N, C-alpha and C. Protein backbone atom coordinates (compact mmCIF):
# COMPACT_ATOMS: atom_id res chain seq x y z
N UNK A 1 1.07 -1.34 -0.18
CA UNK A 1 0.01 -0.14 0.06
C UNK A 1 0.83 1.09 -0.30
N UNK A 2 1.01 2.01 -1.14
CA UNK A 2 1.77 3.23 -1.19
C UNK A 2 1.03 4.23 -1.31
N UNK A 3 1.38 5.60 -1.03
CA UNK A 3 0.86 6.70 -0.95
C UNK A 3 1.21 7.63 -2.02
N UNK A 4 2.48 7.50 -2.50
CA UNK A 4 3.00 8.24 -3.36
C UNK A 4 3.84 7.45 -4.54
N UNK A 5 4.07 7.66 -5.88
CA UNK A 5 4.63 7.12 -6.89
C UNK A 5 5.33 8.36 -7.78
N UNK A 6 6.85 8.10 -7.52
CA UNK A 6 7.35 9.00 -8.87
C UNK A 6 8.48 8.20 -9.65
N UNK A 7 8.35 8.70 -10.84
CA UNK A 7 9.43 7.89 -11.68
C UNK A 7 10.48 8.89 -12.35
N UNK A 8 11.77 8.56 -12.30
CA UNK A 8 12.76 9.17 -12.73
C UNK A 8 13.86 8.24 -12.93
N UNK A 9 14.73 8.52 -14.11
CA UNK A 9 15.70 7.68 -14.24
C UNK A 9 15.82 6.12 -14.60
N UNK A 10 14.55 5.58 -14.93
CA UNK A 10 14.24 4.32 -14.91
C UNK A 10 13.87 3.47 -13.82
N UNK A 11 13.60 4.26 -12.70
CA UNK A 11 13.26 3.79 -11.20
C UNK A 11 11.99 4.39 -10.85
N UNK A 12 11.19 3.51 -10.07
CA UNK A 12 10.09 3.94 -9.72
C UNK A 12 10.23 4.29 -7.98
N UNK A 13 9.98 5.42 -7.47
CA UNK A 13 10.17 5.48 -6.00
C UNK A 13 9.08 5.62 -5.28
N UNK A 14 8.64 5.20 -4.30
CA UNK A 14 7.36 5.27 -3.71
C UNK A 14 7.64 5.53 -2.04
N UNK A 15 6.51 5.87 -1.87
CA UNK A 15 6.31 6.19 -0.06
C UNK A 15 5.31 5.24 0.20
N UNK A 16 5.59 4.50 1.52
CA UNK A 16 4.60 3.55 1.96
C UNK A 16 4.52 3.59 3.58
N UNK A 17 3.63 3.40 4.20
CA UNK A 17 3.63 3.57 5.64
C UNK A 17 4.53 2.17 6.16
N UNK A 18 5.20 2.36 7.18
CA UNK A 18 5.91 1.45 8.09
C UNK A 18 5.68 1.45 9.54
N UNK A 19 6.26 0.65 10.48
CA UNK A 19 5.97 0.58 11.72
C UNK A 19 6.67 1.87 12.48
N UNK A 20 7.72 2.44 11.54
CA UNK A 20 8.54 3.67 12.42
C UNK A 20 7.86 4.72 11.68
N UNK A 21 7.04 4.89 10.75
CA UNK A 21 6.34 6.00 10.02
C UNK A 21 5.93 5.97 8.88
N UNK A 22 7.09 6.62 7.94
CA UNK A 22 7.06 6.29 6.30
C UNK A 22 8.34 5.54 6.01
N UNK A 23 8.43 5.02 4.54
CA UNK A 23 9.41 4.44 4.41
C UNK A 23 9.39 4.84 2.81
N UNK A 24 10.73 5.15 2.06
CA UNK A 24 10.74 5.45 0.85
C UNK A 24 11.59 4.10 0.29
N UNK A 25 10.82 3.63 -0.75
CA UNK A 25 11.20 2.47 -1.43
C UNK A 25 11.69 2.88 -3.13
N UNK A 26 12.66 2.12 -3.63
CA UNK A 26 12.69 2.54 -5.18
C UNK A 26 12.85 1.03 -5.77
N UNK A 27 12.30 1.04 -6.78
CA UNK A 27 12.21 -0.27 -7.72
C UNK A 27 12.50 -0.11 -9.01
N UNK A 28 13.15 -1.09 -9.74
CA UNK A 28 13.67 -0.91 -11.12
C UNK A 28 12.56 -1.94 -11.70
N UNK A 29 12.17 -1.51 -13.13
CA UNK A 29 11.52 -2.24 -14.02
C UNK A 29 10.00 -2.17 -13.64
N UNK A 30 9.19 -3.05 -14.20
CA UNK A 30 7.83 -3.29 -14.11
C UNK A 30 7.50 -3.45 -12.58
N UNK A 31 6.42 -2.94 -12.35
CA UNK A 31 5.66 -3.02 -10.83
C UNK A 31 4.21 -2.84 -10.45
N UNK A 32 3.71 -3.29 -9.91
CA UNK A 32 2.26 -3.12 -9.29
C UNK A 32 2.12 -2.41 -7.99
N UNK A 33 1.50 -1.33 -8.11
CA UNK A 33 1.21 -0.56 -6.78
C UNK A 33 0.00 -0.58 -6.29
N UNK A 34 -0.35 -0.65 -5.07
CA UNK A 34 -1.69 -0.44 -4.36
C UNK A 34 -1.60 0.71 -3.92
N UNK A 35 -2.73 1.57 -3.90
CA UNK A 35 -2.64 2.98 -3.15
C UNK A 35 -3.64 2.83 -2.07
N UNK A 36 -2.98 3.58 -1.06
CA UNK A 36 -4.06 3.70 0.09
C UNK A 36 -4.52 5.37 0.20
N UNK A 37 -5.63 5.45 0.43
CA UNK A 37 -6.33 6.52 0.64
C UNK A 37 -5.74 7.53 1.51
N UNK A 38 -5.15 7.07 2.48
CA UNK A 38 -4.77 7.64 3.93
C UNK A 38 -5.50 8.60 4.36
N UNK A 39 -5.11 9.78 4.92
CA UNK A 39 -5.97 10.79 5.35
C UNK A 39 -6.33 11.81 4.74
N UNK A 40 -5.97 11.70 3.24
CA UNK A 40 -6.66 12.98 2.22
C UNK A 40 -8.10 12.40 1.73
N UNK A 41 -9.05 13.29 1.87
CA UNK A 41 -10.13 13.03 1.11
C UNK A 41 -10.40 13.15 -0.33
N UNK A 42 -10.90 12.38 -0.77
CA UNK A 42 -11.15 12.25 -2.17
C UNK A 42 -11.94 13.65 -2.75
N UNK A 43 -11.36 14.26 -4.07
CA UNK A 43 -11.94 15.21 -4.37
C UNK A 43 -13.32 14.85 -5.39
N UNK A 44 -14.27 15.63 -4.94
CA UNK A 44 -15.22 15.19 -5.75
C UNK A 44 -15.61 16.04 -7.30
N UNK A 45 -15.73 15.53 -8.40
CA UNK A 45 -15.70 16.37 -9.82
C UNK A 45 -17.07 17.32 -9.45
N UNK A 46 -16.99 18.23 -10.21
CA UNK A 46 -18.04 19.12 -10.65
C UNK A 46 -18.84 18.46 -11.77
N UNK A 47 -19.98 19.13 -12.08
CA UNK A 47 -20.87 18.71 -13.17
C UNK A 47 -19.99 18.88 -14.56
N UNK A 48 -19.25 20.04 -14.67
CA UNK A 48 -18.68 20.51 -15.82
C UNK A 48 -17.69 19.48 -16.20
N UNK A 49 -16.66 18.95 -15.18
CA UNK A 49 -15.86 17.98 -15.39
C UNK A 49 -16.34 16.51 -15.55
N UNK A 50 -17.37 16.17 -15.17
CA UNK A 50 -18.29 15.10 -15.43
C UNK A 50 -18.44 14.88 -17.25
N UNK A 51 -19.06 16.06 -17.36
CA UNK A 51 -19.54 15.93 -18.83
C UNK A 51 -18.40 16.28 -19.74
N UNK A 52 -17.38 16.74 -19.42
CA UNK A 52 -16.30 16.73 -20.49
C UNK A 52 -15.58 15.41 -20.25
N UNK A 53 -15.43 14.49 -19.37
CA UNK A 53 -15.09 13.42 -19.17
C UNK A 53 -15.88 12.51 -20.13
N UNK A 54 -17.03 12.72 -20.12
CA UNK A 54 -17.99 11.59 -20.94
C UNK A 54 -17.54 11.72 -22.36
N UNK A 55 -17.17 12.88 -22.89
CA UNK A 55 -16.68 13.27 -24.38
C UNK A 55 -15.49 12.83 -24.67
N UNK A 56 -14.60 12.49 -23.85
CA UNK A 56 -13.13 12.37 -23.88
C UNK A 56 -13.00 11.03 -24.31
N UNK A 57 -12.20 11.02 -25.48
CA UNK A 57 -11.71 9.60 -26.01
C UNK A 57 -10.90 8.71 -25.14
N UNK A 58 -11.16 7.43 -25.07
CA UNK A 58 -10.35 6.61 -24.16
C UNK A 58 -9.03 6.15 -25.26
N UNK A 59 -8.05 6.32 -24.61
CA UNK A 59 -6.95 5.68 -25.73
C UNK A 59 -6.49 4.32 -25.30
N UNK A 60 -6.33 3.77 -26.14
CA UNK A 60 -6.07 2.19 -26.26
C UNK A 60 -4.76 1.81 -26.52
N UNK A 61 -3.82 1.14 -25.72
CA UNK A 61 -2.30 0.87 -26.11
C UNK A 61 -2.54 -0.66 -25.80
N UNK A 62 -1.21 -0.89 -26.53
CA UNK A 62 -0.97 -2.51 -26.53
C UNK A 62 0.28 -2.61 -25.53
N UNK A 63 0.43 -3.98 -25.39
CA UNK A 63 1.66 -4.28 -24.55
C UNK A 63 2.84 -4.14 -25.56
N UNK A 64 2.75 -4.07 -26.91
CA UNK A 64 3.98 -3.80 -27.58
C UNK A 64 4.12 -2.18 -27.43
N UNK A 65 3.24 -1.30 -27.43
CA UNK A 65 3.56 0.07 -26.86
C UNK A 65 4.29 0.59 -25.77
N UNK A 66 4.25 -0.36 -24.85
CA UNK A 66 4.85 -0.35 -23.57
C UNK A 66 6.18 -1.15 -23.63
N UNK A 67 6.54 -1.93 -24.57
CA UNK A 67 7.67 -2.47 -24.60
C UNK A 67 7.70 -3.76 -24.01
N UNK A 68 6.47 -4.43 -23.72
CA UNK A 68 6.51 -5.65 -22.93
C UNK A 68 5.73 -6.88 -23.98
N UNK A 69 6.57 -7.86 -23.82
CA UNK A 69 5.98 -9.21 -24.33
C UNK A 69 5.21 -10.16 -23.21
N UNK A 70 3.95 -10.28 -23.88
CA UNK A 70 3.32 -11.20 -22.86
C UNK A 70 3.59 -12.55 -22.90
N UNK A 71 4.44 -13.18 -24.06
CA UNK A 71 4.75 -14.43 -24.39
C UNK A 71 5.40 -15.06 -22.94
N UNK A 72 6.34 -14.44 -22.34
CA UNK A 72 7.03 -14.89 -21.57
C UNK A 72 6.56 -14.57 -20.08
N UNK A 73 4.97 -14.09 -19.81
CA UNK A 73 4.37 -13.93 -18.77
C UNK A 73 3.34 -15.14 -18.21
N UNK A 74 3.13 -15.25 -16.97
CA UNK A 74 2.22 -16.10 -16.47
C UNK A 74 0.68 -15.50 -16.59
N UNK A 75 0.65 -14.21 -17.04
CA UNK A 75 -0.79 -13.56 -17.00
C UNK A 75 -1.41 -13.77 -18.54
N UNK A 76 -2.50 -14.08 -18.66
CA UNK A 76 -3.29 -14.32 -19.79
C UNK A 76 -4.43 -13.34 -19.73
N UNK A 77 -4.55 -12.69 -20.71
CA UNK A 77 -5.97 -11.58 -20.79
C UNK A 77 -6.88 -12.30 -22.04
N UNK A 78 -8.17 -12.79 -21.10
CA UNK A 78 -9.03 -13.57 -21.68
C UNK A 78 -9.86 -12.74 -22.45
N UNK A 79 -10.29 -11.56 -21.73
CA UNK A 79 -11.05 -10.60 -22.64
C UNK A 79 -11.36 -9.22 -21.95
N UNK A 80 -11.69 -8.24 -22.52
CA UNK A 80 -11.68 -6.90 -22.07
C UNK A 80 -12.90 -6.29 -22.62
N UNK A 81 -13.91 -5.89 -22.03
CA UNK A 81 -15.17 -5.31 -22.69
C UNK A 81 -15.55 -4.22 -22.08
N UNK A 82 -15.77 -2.85 -22.90
CA UNK A 82 -16.34 -1.52 -21.83
C UNK A 82 -17.59 -2.01 -21.08
N UNK A 83 -17.98 -1.13 -20.44
CA UNK A 83 -19.20 -1.59 -19.61
C UNK A 83 -20.47 -1.15 -20.49
N UNK A 84 -21.76 -1.74 -20.38
CA UNK A 84 -22.82 -1.36 -21.31
C UNK A 84 -23.03 0.06 -21.16
N UNK A 85 -23.51 0.59 -22.46
CA UNK A 85 -23.99 2.26 -22.37
C UNK A 85 -25.18 2.13 -21.45
N UNK A 86 -25.24 3.34 -20.85
CA UNK A 86 -26.57 3.50 -20.15
C UNK A 86 -27.81 4.01 -20.91
N UNK A 87 -29.06 3.62 -20.81
CA UNK A 87 -30.10 3.92 -21.48
C UNK A 87 -30.39 5.34 -21.69
N UNK A 88 -30.97 6.07 -22.31
CA UNK A 88 -30.90 7.52 -22.41
C UNK A 88 -31.99 7.91 -21.07
N UNK A 89 -31.87 9.05 -20.72
CA UNK A 89 -32.66 9.64 -19.76
C UNK A 89 -33.78 10.20 -20.17
N UNK A 90 -34.73 10.61 -19.17
CA UNK A 90 -35.91 11.28 -19.47
C UNK A 90 -36.05 12.90 -19.27
N UNK A 91 -36.81 13.37 -20.18
CA UNK A 91 -36.62 14.69 -20.24
C UNK A 91 -38.44 14.92 -19.98
N UNK A 92 -38.49 16.17 -18.96
CA UNK A 92 -39.78 16.46 -18.64
C UNK A 92 -39.63 18.05 -18.74
N UNK A 93 -40.60 18.54 -19.39
CA UNK A 93 -40.72 19.97 -19.52
C UNK A 93 -42.16 20.45 -18.93
N UNK A 94 -42.43 21.61 -18.10
CA UNK A 94 -43.41 21.96 -17.98
C UNK A 94 -44.02 21.55 -16.72
N UNK A 95 -44.97 22.41 -15.95
CA UNK A 95 -45.74 22.04 -14.77
C UNK A 95 -46.43 21.14 -15.10
N UNK A 96 -47.23 20.44 -16.18
CA UNK A 96 -47.90 19.34 -16.04
C UNK A 96 -47.44 18.19 -15.95
N UNK A 97 -46.15 17.95 -16.04
CA UNK A 97 -45.58 16.74 -15.68
C UNK A 97 -44.67 16.77 -14.11
N UNK A 98 -45.46 17.50 -13.14
CA UNK A 98 -44.91 17.48 -12.19
C UNK A 98 -45.19 16.40 -11.33
N UNK A 99 -46.61 15.84 -11.48
CA UNK A 99 -46.95 14.70 -10.89
C UNK A 99 -46.18 13.42 -11.53
N UNK A 100 -45.88 13.33 -12.43
CA UNK A 100 -45.42 12.10 -13.17
C UNK A 100 -43.70 12.14 -12.71
N UNK A 101 -43.20 13.26 -12.56
CA UNK A 101 -41.93 13.10 -12.06
C UNK A 101 -41.82 13.03 -10.66
N UNK A 102 -42.87 13.40 -9.90
CA UNK A 102 -42.74 12.96 -8.42
C UNK A 102 -42.92 11.45 -8.23
N UNK A 103 -43.88 11.03 -8.89
CA UNK A 103 -44.27 9.48 -8.72
C UNK A 103 -42.92 8.77 -9.40
N UNK A 104 -41.99 9.04 -10.25
CA UNK A 104 -40.88 8.14 -10.59
C UNK A 104 -39.98 8.39 -9.77
N UNK A 105 -39.60 9.55 -8.89
CA UNK A 105 -38.71 9.76 -7.93
C UNK A 105 -39.16 8.98 -6.94
N UNK A 106 -40.14 9.09 -6.23
CA UNK A 106 -40.73 8.09 -5.25
C UNK A 106 -40.86 6.64 -5.78
N UNK A 107 -41.31 6.34 -6.68
CA UNK A 107 -41.55 4.80 -6.83
C UNK A 107 -40.56 4.01 -7.77
N UNK A 108 -39.74 4.67 -8.65
CA UNK A 108 -38.65 4.01 -9.46
C UNK A 108 -37.49 4.33 -8.76
N UNK A 109 -37.05 5.63 -8.46
CA UNK A 109 -35.59 5.83 -7.86
C UNK A 109 -35.59 5.68 -6.30
N UNK A 110 -36.70 5.55 -5.63
CA UNK A 110 -36.80 5.69 -4.15
C UNK A 110 -36.12 6.78 -3.75
N UNK A 111 -36.00 7.89 -4.21
CA UNK A 111 -35.50 9.09 -3.80
C UNK A 111 -36.40 9.93 -2.34
N UNK A 112 -37.67 10.02 -3.02
CA UNK A 112 -38.23 10.84 -1.89
C UNK A 112 -39.42 9.77 -1.29
């Protein structure tokens, strides 16, 4: 469990908790890190950031792009699929739909 990772000169340096406080560890090559939230609170994204993230293209890279050969690895990737797309939302305009909106919030979304 690490709280910080830096990369320089072909090495990863990490900070992790230890019995005496914190410990700085440096490793060469490929590594897997598990991050600990620690005492910091997560930042909540704003609506603008969420909407911009929905429009952002997801970059796909291969193991060859990273300079890694999977033939010598014990790891096998069987499949990878993006999550299913959410159904389109509903739009209500006007005061005549107030009862329907309240009914959906109460019965379907269990919000009120």
